[in-house]
């Protein structure tokens, strides 16, 4: 697939931008997220209790942990054009958590470009549809419509 640039971005609207590498969401990652967010609910961090009492028979990742992976995995896909100065999280339009990510599962991100809007000064507002897939699962972990502000690189004057 051709390299994504500021100029070629509009030509890619309506197409898949790519799929990220697989990433393991292990218990250590879940525990670190629980510490950062102070969300230590047992379904995430108590391995033995989750095995006994959880519907999933194992701890599951926080929904917001899985959502937080969209940013880094979209960079892995190459959503920020190679000639851009930077890309910034601009927000989310819609997020749906469709399936739990059990500790130890592998996930990857599939990104579609849904729109590009000019914001002035060469900046572009990019709308993507992001599907976080779970290996060997019919349902994805989540689908999120995300917005990113892409700013051009500074040019020498």
N, C-alpha and C. Protein backbone atom coordinates (compact mmCIF):
# COMPACT_ATOMS: atom_id res chain seq x y z
N UNK A 1 0.84 -1.19 0.00
CA UNK A 1 0.00 0.00 0.00
C UNK A 1 0.88 1.24 0.00
N UNK A 2 0.45 2.26 -0.71
CA UNK A 2 1.24 3.49 -0.84
C UNK A 2 1.34 4.22 0.49
N UNK A 3 2.45 4.91 0.65
CA UNK A 3 2.70 5.71 1.84
C UNK A 3 1.62 6.78 1.99
N UNK A 4 1.15 6.99 3.20
CA UNK A 4 0.12 8.00 3.47
C UNK A 4 0.79 9.35 3.69
N UNK A 5 0.36 10.36 2.92
CA UNK A 5 0.89 11.72 3.06
C UNK A 5 -0.27 12.68 3.28
N UNK A 6 0.04 13.90 3.67
CA UNK A 6 -0.99 14.92 3.85
C UNK A 6 -1.77 15.10 2.55
N UNK A 7 -1.09 15.09 1.42
CA UNK A 7 -1.73 15.31 0.12
C UNK A 7 -2.57 14.11 -0.31
N UNK A 8 -2.17 12.90 0.05
CA UNK A 8 -2.90 11.70 -0.41
C UNK A 8 -4.01 11.26 0.52
N UNK A 9 -4.11 11.90 1.67
CA UNK A 9 -5.09 11.48 2.68
C UNK A 9 -6.51 11.45 2.13
N UNK A 10 -6.93 12.50 1.45
CA UNK A 10 -8.30 12.57 0.92
C UNK A 10 -8.59 11.45 -0.09
N UNK A 11 -7.57 11.04 -0.82
CA UNK A 11 -7.74 9.97 -1.81
C UNK A 11 -8.04 8.63 -1.16
N UNK A 12 -7.74 8.51 0.11
CA UNK A 12 -7.92 7.23 0.81
C UNK A 12 -9.24 7.14 1.58
N UNK A 13 -10.04 8.22 1.58
CA UNK A 13 -11.33 8.20 2.28
C UNK A 13 -12.17 7.05 1.73
N UNK A 14 -12.77 6.28 2.66
CA UNK A 14 -13.58 5.14 2.28
C UNK A 14 -12.81 3.84 2.17
N UNK A 15 -11.52 3.88 2.48
CA UNK A 15 -10.71 2.67 2.37
C UNK A 15 -10.09 2.28 3.71
N UNK A 16 -9.65 1.04 3.76
CA UNK A 16 -8.94 0.56 4.94
C UNK A 16 -7.52 1.10 4.88
N UNK A 17 -7.07 1.69 6.00
CA UNK A 17 -5.70 2.18 6.06
C UNK A 17 -4.72 1.08 6.43
N UNK A 18 -5.21 0.07 7.15
CA UNK A 18 -4.32 -1.03 7.49
C UNK A 18 -4.72 -1.72 8.77
N UNK A 19 -3.90 -2.70 9.12
CA UNK A 19 -4.10 -3.53 10.31
C UNK A 19 -2.80 -3.54 11.09
N UNK A 20 -2.89 -3.36 12.39
CA UNK A 20 -1.70 -3.30 13.25
C UNK A 20 -1.13 -4.70 13.50
N UNK A 21 -0.03 -4.70 14.20
CA UNK A 21 0.55 -5.95 14.70
C UNK A 21 -0.35 -6.50 15.82
N UNK A 22 -0.18 -7.76 16.14
CA UNK A 22 -0.88 -8.34 17.29
C UNK A 22 -0.20 -7.88 18.57
N UNK A 23 -1.00 -7.63 19.61
CA UNK A 23 -0.50 -7.19 20.90
C UNK A 23 -1.14 -8.04 21.99
N UNK A 24 -0.34 -8.56 22.90
CA UNK A 24 -0.86 -9.37 24.01
C UNK A 24 -1.32 -8.46 25.13
N UNK A 25 -2.54 -8.67 25.59
CA UNK A 25 -3.06 -7.95 26.74
C UNK A 25 -2.96 -8.92 27.92
N UNK A 26 -1.79 -8.91 28.56
CA UNK A 26 -1.54 -9.87 29.65
C UNK A 26 -1.95 -9.29 31.00
N UNK A 27 -1.90 -10.13 32.01
CA UNK A 27 -2.32 -9.72 33.35
C UNK A 27 -1.47 -8.58 33.88
N UNK A 28 -0.19 -8.57 33.57
CA UNK A 28 0.68 -7.50 34.03
C UNK A 28 0.22 -6.15 33.48
N UNK A 29 -0.15 -6.10 32.21
CA UNK A 29 -0.65 -4.85 31.60
C UNK A 29 -1.95 -4.43 32.29
N UNK A 30 -2.83 -5.39 32.53
CA UNK A 30 -4.11 -5.10 33.20
C UNK A 30 -3.86 -4.55 34.60
N UNK A 31 -2.94 -5.18 35.33
CA UNK A 31 -2.62 -4.73 36.70
C UNK A 31 -2.03 -3.33 36.70
N UNK A 32 -1.15 -3.04 35.75
CA UNK A 32 -0.56 -1.69 35.68
C UNK A 32 -1.62 -0.65 35.36
N UNK A 33 -2.55 -0.99 34.47
CA UNK A 33 -3.64 -0.06 34.15
C UNK A 33 -4.52 0.16 35.38
N UNK A 34 -4.79 -0.89 36.13
CA UNK A 34 -5.59 -0.77 37.35
C UNK A 34 -4.93 0.17 38.35
N UNK A 35 -3.62 0.08 38.48
CA UNK A 35 -2.90 0.97 39.39
C UNK A 35 -2.96 2.42 38.91
N UNK A 36 -2.76 2.64 37.63
CA UNK A 36 -2.79 4.01 37.08
C UNK A 36 -4.15 4.66 37.25
N UNK A 37 -5.21 3.90 37.06
CA UNK A 37 -6.55 4.47 37.06
C UNK A 37 -7.29 4.30 38.38
N UNK A 38 -6.70 3.52 39.29
CA UNK A 38 -7.31 3.19 40.57
C UNK A 38 -8.61 2.40 40.40
N UNK A 39 -8.74 1.71 39.27
CA UNK A 39 -9.89 0.83 39.03
C UNK A 39 -9.41 -0.60 39.27
N UNK A 40 -9.54 -1.03 40.52
CA UNK A 40 -9.04 -2.35 40.93
C UNK A 40 -10.18 -3.34 41.14
N UNK A 41 -11.23 -3.22 40.34
CA UNK A 41 -12.36 -4.13 40.45
C UNK A 41 -11.86 -5.57 40.27
N UNK A 42 -12.38 -6.47 41.05
CA UNK A 42 -11.88 -7.86 41.08
C UNK A 42 -11.93 -8.55 39.73
N UNK A 43 -12.87 -8.20 38.87
CA UNK A 43 -12.96 -8.87 37.57
C UNK A 43 -11.72 -8.60 36.70
N UNK A 44 -10.95 -7.60 37.09
CA UNK A 44 -9.73 -7.26 36.36
C UNK A 44 -8.47 -7.79 37.05
N UNK A 45 -8.42 -7.71 38.38
CA UNK A 45 -7.15 -7.93 39.07
C UNK A 45 -7.08 -9.14 40.00
N UNK A 46 -8.19 -9.73 40.36
CA UNK A 46 -8.18 -10.89 41.26
C UNK A 46 -8.29 -12.16 40.41
N UNK A 47 -7.14 -12.72 40.05
CA UNK A 47 -7.09 -13.84 39.12
C UNK A 47 -7.86 -15.04 39.65
N UNK A 48 -7.65 -15.40 40.90
CA UNK A 48 -8.32 -16.59 41.46
C UNK A 48 -9.83 -16.40 41.56
N UNK A 49 -10.27 -15.26 42.03
CA UNK A 49 -11.70 -15.00 42.12
C UNK A 49 -12.34 -14.98 40.73
N UNK A 50 -11.65 -14.37 39.78
CA UNK A 50 -12.18 -14.32 38.41
C UNK A 50 -12.32 -15.73 37.84
N UNK A 51 -11.36 -16.59 38.13
CA UNK A 51 -11.46 -17.98 37.65
C UNK A 51 -12.67 -18.69 38.26
N UNK A 52 -12.95 -18.39 39.52
CA UNK A 52 -14.07 -19.03 40.22
C UNK A 52 -15.42 -18.42 39.88
N UNK A 53 -15.50 -17.09 39.85
CA UNK A 53 -16.80 -16.41 39.84
C UNK A 53 -17.15 -15.66 38.55
N UNK A 54 -16.17 -15.37 37.74
CA UNK A 54 -16.45 -14.57 36.55
C UNK A 54 -17.14 -15.40 35.48
N UNK A 55 -18.00 -14.76 34.76
CA UNK A 55 -18.65 -15.36 33.60
C UNK A 55 -17.63 -15.83 32.57
N UNK A 56 -16.47 -15.19 32.55
CA UNK A 56 -15.43 -15.45 31.55
C UNK A 56 -14.36 -16.42 32.05
N UNK A 57 -14.43 -16.80 33.34
CA UNK A 57 -13.51 -17.77 33.96
C UNK A 57 -12.05 -17.30 33.95
N UNK A 58 -11.86 -16.00 33.84
CA UNK A 58 -10.53 -15.40 33.87
C UNK A 58 -10.71 -13.90 34.04
N UNK A 59 -9.66 -13.20 34.46
CA UNK A 59 -9.75 -11.74 34.51
C UNK A 59 -9.91 -11.17 33.10
N UNK A 60 -10.56 -10.01 33.01
CA UNK A 60 -10.72 -9.33 31.73
C UNK A 60 -10.12 -7.93 31.83
N UNK A 61 -9.67 -7.43 30.68
CA UNK A 61 -9.11 -6.08 30.61
C UNK A 61 -10.22 -5.05 30.81
N UNK A 62 -9.85 -3.94 31.37
CA UNK A 62 -10.76 -2.80 31.48
C UNK A 62 -11.16 -2.35 30.07
N UNK A 63 -12.40 -1.92 29.92
CA UNK A 63 -12.82 -1.39 28.63
C UNK A 63 -11.97 -0.21 28.23
N UNK A 64 -11.65 0.67 29.18
CA UNK A 64 -10.85 1.84 28.85
C UNK A 64 -9.39 1.47 28.54
N UNK A 65 -8.92 0.36 29.06
CA UNK A 65 -7.59 -0.12 28.67
C UNK A 65 -7.62 -0.50 27.19
N UNK A 66 -8.62 -1.26 26.79
CA UNK A 66 -8.69 -1.65 25.38
C UNK A 66 -8.84 -0.41 24.49
N UNK A 67 -9.63 0.56 24.92
CA UNK A 67 -9.80 1.79 24.15
C UNK A 67 -8.49 2.56 24.06
N UNK A 68 -7.71 2.56 25.12
CA UNK A 68 -6.44 3.30 25.11
C UNK A 68 -5.45 2.73 24.10
N UNK A 69 -5.61 1.49 23.72
CA UNK A 69 -4.70 0.87 22.75
C UNK A 69 -4.93 1.39 21.33
N UNK A 70 -6.09 1.99 21.08
CA UNK A 70 -6.40 2.49 19.74
C UNK A 70 -5.35 3.51 19.28
N UNK A 71 -4.90 4.39 20.18
CA UNK A 71 -3.93 5.41 19.80
C UNK A 71 -2.62 4.83 19.31
N UNK A 72 -1.99 3.99 20.12
CA UNK A 72 -0.67 3.47 19.73
C UNK A 72 -0.78 2.50 18.56
N UNK A 73 -1.83 1.70 18.52
CA UNK A 73 -1.96 0.75 17.42
C UNK A 73 -2.30 1.46 16.11
N UNK A 74 -3.00 2.60 16.18
CA UNK A 74 -3.27 3.34 14.94
C UNK A 74 -1.98 3.96 14.41
N UNK A 75 -1.09 4.34 15.29
CA UNK A 75 0.22 4.83 14.86
C UNK A 75 0.99 3.69 14.20
N UNK A 76 0.85 2.49 14.77
CA UNK A 76 1.47 1.30 14.19
C UNK A 76 0.98 1.07 12.76
N UNK A 77 -0.30 1.35 12.53
CA UNK A 77 -0.90 1.21 11.20
C UNK A 77 -0.35 2.27 10.24
N UNK A 78 0.00 3.43 10.78
CA UNK A 78 0.51 4.52 9.94
C UNK A 78 -0.54 5.56 9.64
N UNK A 79 -1.45 5.79 10.58
CA UNK A 79 -2.53 6.75 10.38
C UNK A 79 -2.01 8.18 10.26
N UNK A 80 -0.94 8.51 10.96
CA UNK A 80 -0.37 9.86 10.85
C UNK A 80 0.49 9.89 9.59
N UNK A 81 0.15 10.77 8.65
CA UNK A 81 0.92 10.84 7.41
C UNK A 81 2.42 11.05 7.67
N UNK A 82 3.23 10.47 6.83
CA UNK A 82 4.68 10.53 7.03
C UNK A 82 5.24 11.94 6.97
N UNK A 83 4.56 12.84 6.27
CA UNK A 83 5.06 14.21 6.15
C UNK A 83 4.35 15.18 7.11
N UNK A 84 3.55 14.66 8.03
CA UNK A 84 2.87 15.51 9.01
C UNK A 84 3.83 15.89 10.13
N UNK A 85 3.55 17.03 10.75
CA UNK A 85 4.34 17.44 11.91
C UNK A 85 3.95 16.63 13.14
N UNK A 86 2.64 16.39 13.29
CA UNK A 86 2.14 15.64 14.44
C UNK A 86 0.67 15.29 14.23
N UNK A 87 0.22 14.35 15.01
CA UNK A 87 -1.19 13.98 15.06
C UNK A 87 -1.65 14.02 16.50
N UNK A 88 -2.80 14.62 16.75
CA UNK A 88 -3.32 14.76 18.11
C UNK A 88 -4.69 14.13 18.23
N UNK A 89 -4.93 13.47 19.36
CA UNK A 89 -6.25 12.94 19.66
C UNK A 89 -7.21 14.12 19.76
N UNK A 90 -8.26 14.11 18.98
CA UNK A 90 -9.24 15.20 18.94
C UNK A 90 -10.54 14.79 19.61
N UNK A 91 -10.72 13.48 19.82
CA UNK A 91 -11.91 13.01 20.50
C UNK A 91 -12.50 11.77 19.87
N UNK A 92 -13.63 11.38 20.40
CA UNK A 92 -14.34 10.20 19.93
C UNK A 92 -15.79 10.57 19.65
N UNK A 93 -16.33 10.03 18.58
CA UNK A 93 -17.74 10.25 18.26
C UNK A 93 -18.60 9.16 18.89
N UNK A 94 -18.13 7.92 18.79
CA UNK A 94 -18.93 6.80 19.26
C UNK A 94 -18.00 5.64 19.58
N UNK A 95 -18.26 4.99 20.71
CA UNK A 95 -17.49 3.81 21.10
C UNK A 95 -18.47 2.76 21.58
N UNK A 96 -18.27 1.54 21.13
CA UNK A 96 -19.07 0.41 21.60
C UNK A 96 -18.12 -0.70 21.99
N UNK A 97 -18.26 -1.19 23.24
CA UNK A 97 -17.49 -2.32 23.73
C UNK A 97 -18.32 -3.57 23.47
N UNK A 98 -17.84 -4.44 22.59
CA UNK A 98 -18.65 -5.55 22.10
C UNK A 98 -18.30 -6.91 22.69
N UNK A 99 -17.05 -7.08 23.11
CA UNK A 99 -16.64 -8.36 23.69
C UNK A 99 -15.49 -8.12 24.67
N UNK A 100 -15.45 -8.91 25.74
CA UNK A 100 -14.36 -8.73 26.71
C UNK A 100 -13.04 -9.27 26.16
N UNK A 101 -11.96 -8.66 26.64
CA UNK A 101 -10.62 -9.14 26.31
C UNK A 101 -10.10 -9.85 27.55
N UNK A 102 -10.03 -11.16 27.47
CA UNK A 102 -9.57 -11.99 28.59
C UNK A 102 -8.07 -11.82 28.72
N UNK A 103 -7.56 -11.80 29.95
CA UNK A 103 -6.12 -11.69 30.18
C UNK A 103 -5.38 -12.75 29.37
N UNK A 104 -4.36 -12.30 28.66
CA UNK A 104 -3.56 -13.20 27.82
C UNK A 104 -3.97 -13.20 26.36
N UNK A 105 -5.11 -12.59 26.03
CA UNK A 105 -5.58 -12.56 24.64
C UNK A 105 -4.71 -11.62 23.81
N UNK A 106 -4.70 -11.88 22.52
CA UNK A 106 -4.02 -10.99 21.58
C UNK A 106 -5.06 -10.17 20.83
N UNK A 107 -4.74 -8.89 20.64
CA UNK A 107 -5.63 -7.98 19.92
C UNK A 107 -4.84 -7.29 18.82
N UNK A 108 -5.56 -6.79 17.82
CA UNK A 108 -4.97 -5.96 16.78
C UNK A 108 -6.03 -4.96 16.33
N UNK A 109 -5.57 -3.89 15.69
CA UNK A 109 -6.47 -2.82 15.28
C UNK A 109 -6.58 -2.77 13.76
N UNK A 110 -7.82 -2.69 13.29
CA UNK A 110 -8.12 -2.50 11.86
C UNK A 110 -8.68 -1.08 11.73
N UNK A 111 -8.11 -0.28 10.83
CA UNK A 111 -8.47 1.14 10.72
C UNK A 111 -9.00 1.45 9.32
N UNK A 112 -10.18 2.09 9.28
CA UNK A 112 -10.77 2.59 8.04
C UNK A 112 -10.81 4.11 8.11
N UNK A 113 -10.51 4.76 7.00
CA UNK A 113 -10.57 6.22 6.93
C UNK A 113 -11.96 6.61 6.45
N UNK A 114 -12.72 7.27 7.31
CA UNK A 114 -14.10 7.65 6.98
C UNK A 114 -14.24 9.09 6.50
N UNK A 115 -13.28 9.96 6.84
CA UNK A 115 -13.41 11.34 6.39
C UNK A 115 -12.21 12.19 6.71
N UNK A 116 -12.08 13.28 5.94
CA UNK A 116 -11.02 14.26 6.15
C UNK A 116 -11.65 15.64 5.95
N UNK A 117 -11.41 16.53 6.90
CA UNK A 117 -11.97 17.88 6.85
C UNK A 117 -10.86 18.89 7.09
N UNK A 118 -10.81 19.93 6.28
CA UNK A 118 -9.82 20.99 6.47
C UNK A 118 -10.21 21.85 7.67
N UNK A 119 -9.21 22.19 8.49
CA UNK A 119 -9.46 23.00 9.67
C UNK A 119 -8.71 24.34 9.63
N UNK A 120 -8.06 24.65 8.52
CA UNK A 120 -7.30 25.90 8.40
C UNK A 120 -5.83 25.69 8.75
N UNK A 121 -5.00 26.58 8.24
CA UNK A 121 -3.55 26.52 8.47
C UNK A 121 -2.94 25.18 8.08
N UNK A 122 -3.55 24.52 7.11
CA UNK A 122 -3.03 23.24 6.65
C UNK A 122 -3.38 22.06 7.53
N UNK A 123 -4.13 22.31 8.61
CA UNK A 123 -4.51 21.23 9.53
C UNK A 123 -5.69 20.44 8.97
N UNK A 124 -5.70 19.15 9.28
CA UNK A 124 -6.77 18.27 8.82
C UNK A 124 -7.38 17.53 10.00
N UNK A 125 -8.71 17.47 10.01
CA UNK A 125 -9.42 16.66 11.01
C UNK A 125 -9.75 15.33 10.33
N UNK A 126 -9.21 14.27 10.86
CA UNK A 126 -9.33 12.95 10.25
C UNK A 126 -10.27 12.09 11.10
N UNK A 127 -11.25 11.48 10.44
CA UNK A 127 -12.21 10.62 11.12
C UNK A 127 -11.91 9.17 10.71
N UNK A 128 -11.65 8.33 11.71
CA UNK A 128 -11.37 6.92 11.44
C UNK A 128 -12.35 6.03 12.18
N UNK A 129 -12.59 4.88 11.61
CA UNK A 129 -13.38 3.82 12.25
C UNK A 129 -12.39 2.72 12.63
N UNK A 130 -12.31 2.47 13.93
CA UNK A 130 -11.29 1.58 14.48
C UNK A 130 -11.96 0.35 15.09
N UNK A 131 -11.53 -0.81 14.67
CA UNK A 131 -12.06 -2.07 15.20
C UNK A 131 -10.92 -2.81 15.86
N UNK A 132 -11.03 -3.01 17.19
CA UNK A 132 -10.03 -3.76 17.93
C UNK A 132 -10.45 -5.22 17.93
N UNK A 133 -9.77 -6.02 17.12
CA UNK A 133 -10.09 -7.43 16.95
C UNK A 133 -9.40 -8.27 18.01
N UNK A 134 -10.07 -9.33 18.42
CA UNK A 134 -9.51 -10.29 19.36
C UNK A 134 -9.21 -11.57 18.59
N UNK A 135 -8.01 -12.07 18.73
CA UNK A 135 -7.63 -13.28 18.02
C UNK A 135 -8.58 -14.42 18.37
N UNK A 136 -9.04 -15.15 17.36
CA UNK A 136 -9.94 -16.30 17.50
C UNK A 136 -11.30 -15.95 18.09
N UNK A 137 -11.75 -14.72 17.88
CA UNK A 137 -13.07 -14.30 18.36
C UNK A 137 -13.88 -13.75 17.19
N UNK A 138 -15.14 -14.14 17.11
CA UNK A 138 -16.01 -13.61 16.06
C UNK A 138 -16.32 -12.13 16.29
N UNK A 139 -16.42 -11.74 17.56
CA UNK A 139 -16.75 -10.35 17.89
C UNK A 139 -15.48 -9.58 18.22
N UNK A 140 -15.42 -8.33 17.79
CA UNK A 140 -14.29 -7.49 18.20
C UNK A 140 -14.47 -7.01 19.64
N UNK A 141 -13.38 -6.58 20.24
CA UNK A 141 -13.44 -6.01 21.59
C UNK A 141 -14.23 -4.71 21.56
N UNK A 142 -13.97 -3.90 20.54
CA UNK A 142 -14.64 -2.60 20.45
C UNK A 142 -14.60 -2.07 19.04
N UNK A 143 -15.50 -1.13 18.79
CA UNK A 143 -15.49 -0.33 17.58
C UNK A 143 -15.57 1.12 18.03
N UNK A 144 -14.65 1.94 17.55
CA UNK A 144 -14.59 3.34 17.97
C UNK A 144 -14.43 4.25 16.75
N UNK A 145 -15.27 5.27 16.68
CA UNK A 145 -15.12 6.32 15.68
C UNK A 145 -14.27 7.41 16.33
N UNK A 146 -13.06 7.58 15.82
CA UNK A 146 -12.11 8.50 16.45
C UNK A 146 -11.80 9.67 15.53
N UNK A 147 -11.44 10.78 16.16
CA UNK A 147 -11.04 11.99 15.44
C UNK A 147 -9.59 12.31 15.81
N UNK A 148 -8.82 12.68 14.81
CA UNK A 148 -7.43 13.10 15.04
C UNK A 148 -7.19 14.39 14.28
N UNK A 149 -6.48 15.29 14.90
CA UNK A 149 -6.08 16.53 14.25
C UNK A 149 -4.66 16.35 13.75
N UNK A 150 -4.49 16.42 12.44
CA UNK A 150 -3.18 16.26 11.82
C UNK A 150 -2.67 17.65 11.45
N UNK A 151 -1.48 17.96 11.95
CA UNK A 151 -0.91 19.28 11.68
C UNK A 151 0.31 19.12 10.77
N UNK A 152 0.49 20.04 9.84
CA UNK A 152 1.62 19.93 8.92
C UNK A 152 2.94 20.19 9.63
N UNK A 153 4.00 19.65 9.06
CA UNK A 153 5.33 19.93 9.57
C UNK A 153 5.65 21.40 9.30
N UNK A 154 6.41 22.00 10.18
CA UNK A 154 6.83 23.39 9.97
C UNK A 154 7.83 23.41 8.83
N UNK A 155 7.70 24.40 7.99
CA UNK A 155 8.64 24.54 6.89
C UNK A 155 9.59 25.70 7.19
N UNK A 156 10.80 25.58 6.70
CA UNK A 156 11.79 26.65 6.91
C UNK A 156 11.39 27.86 6.08
N UNK A 157 11.56 29.05 6.67
CA UNK A 157 11.20 30.25 5.91
C UNK A 157 12.42 31.04 5.51
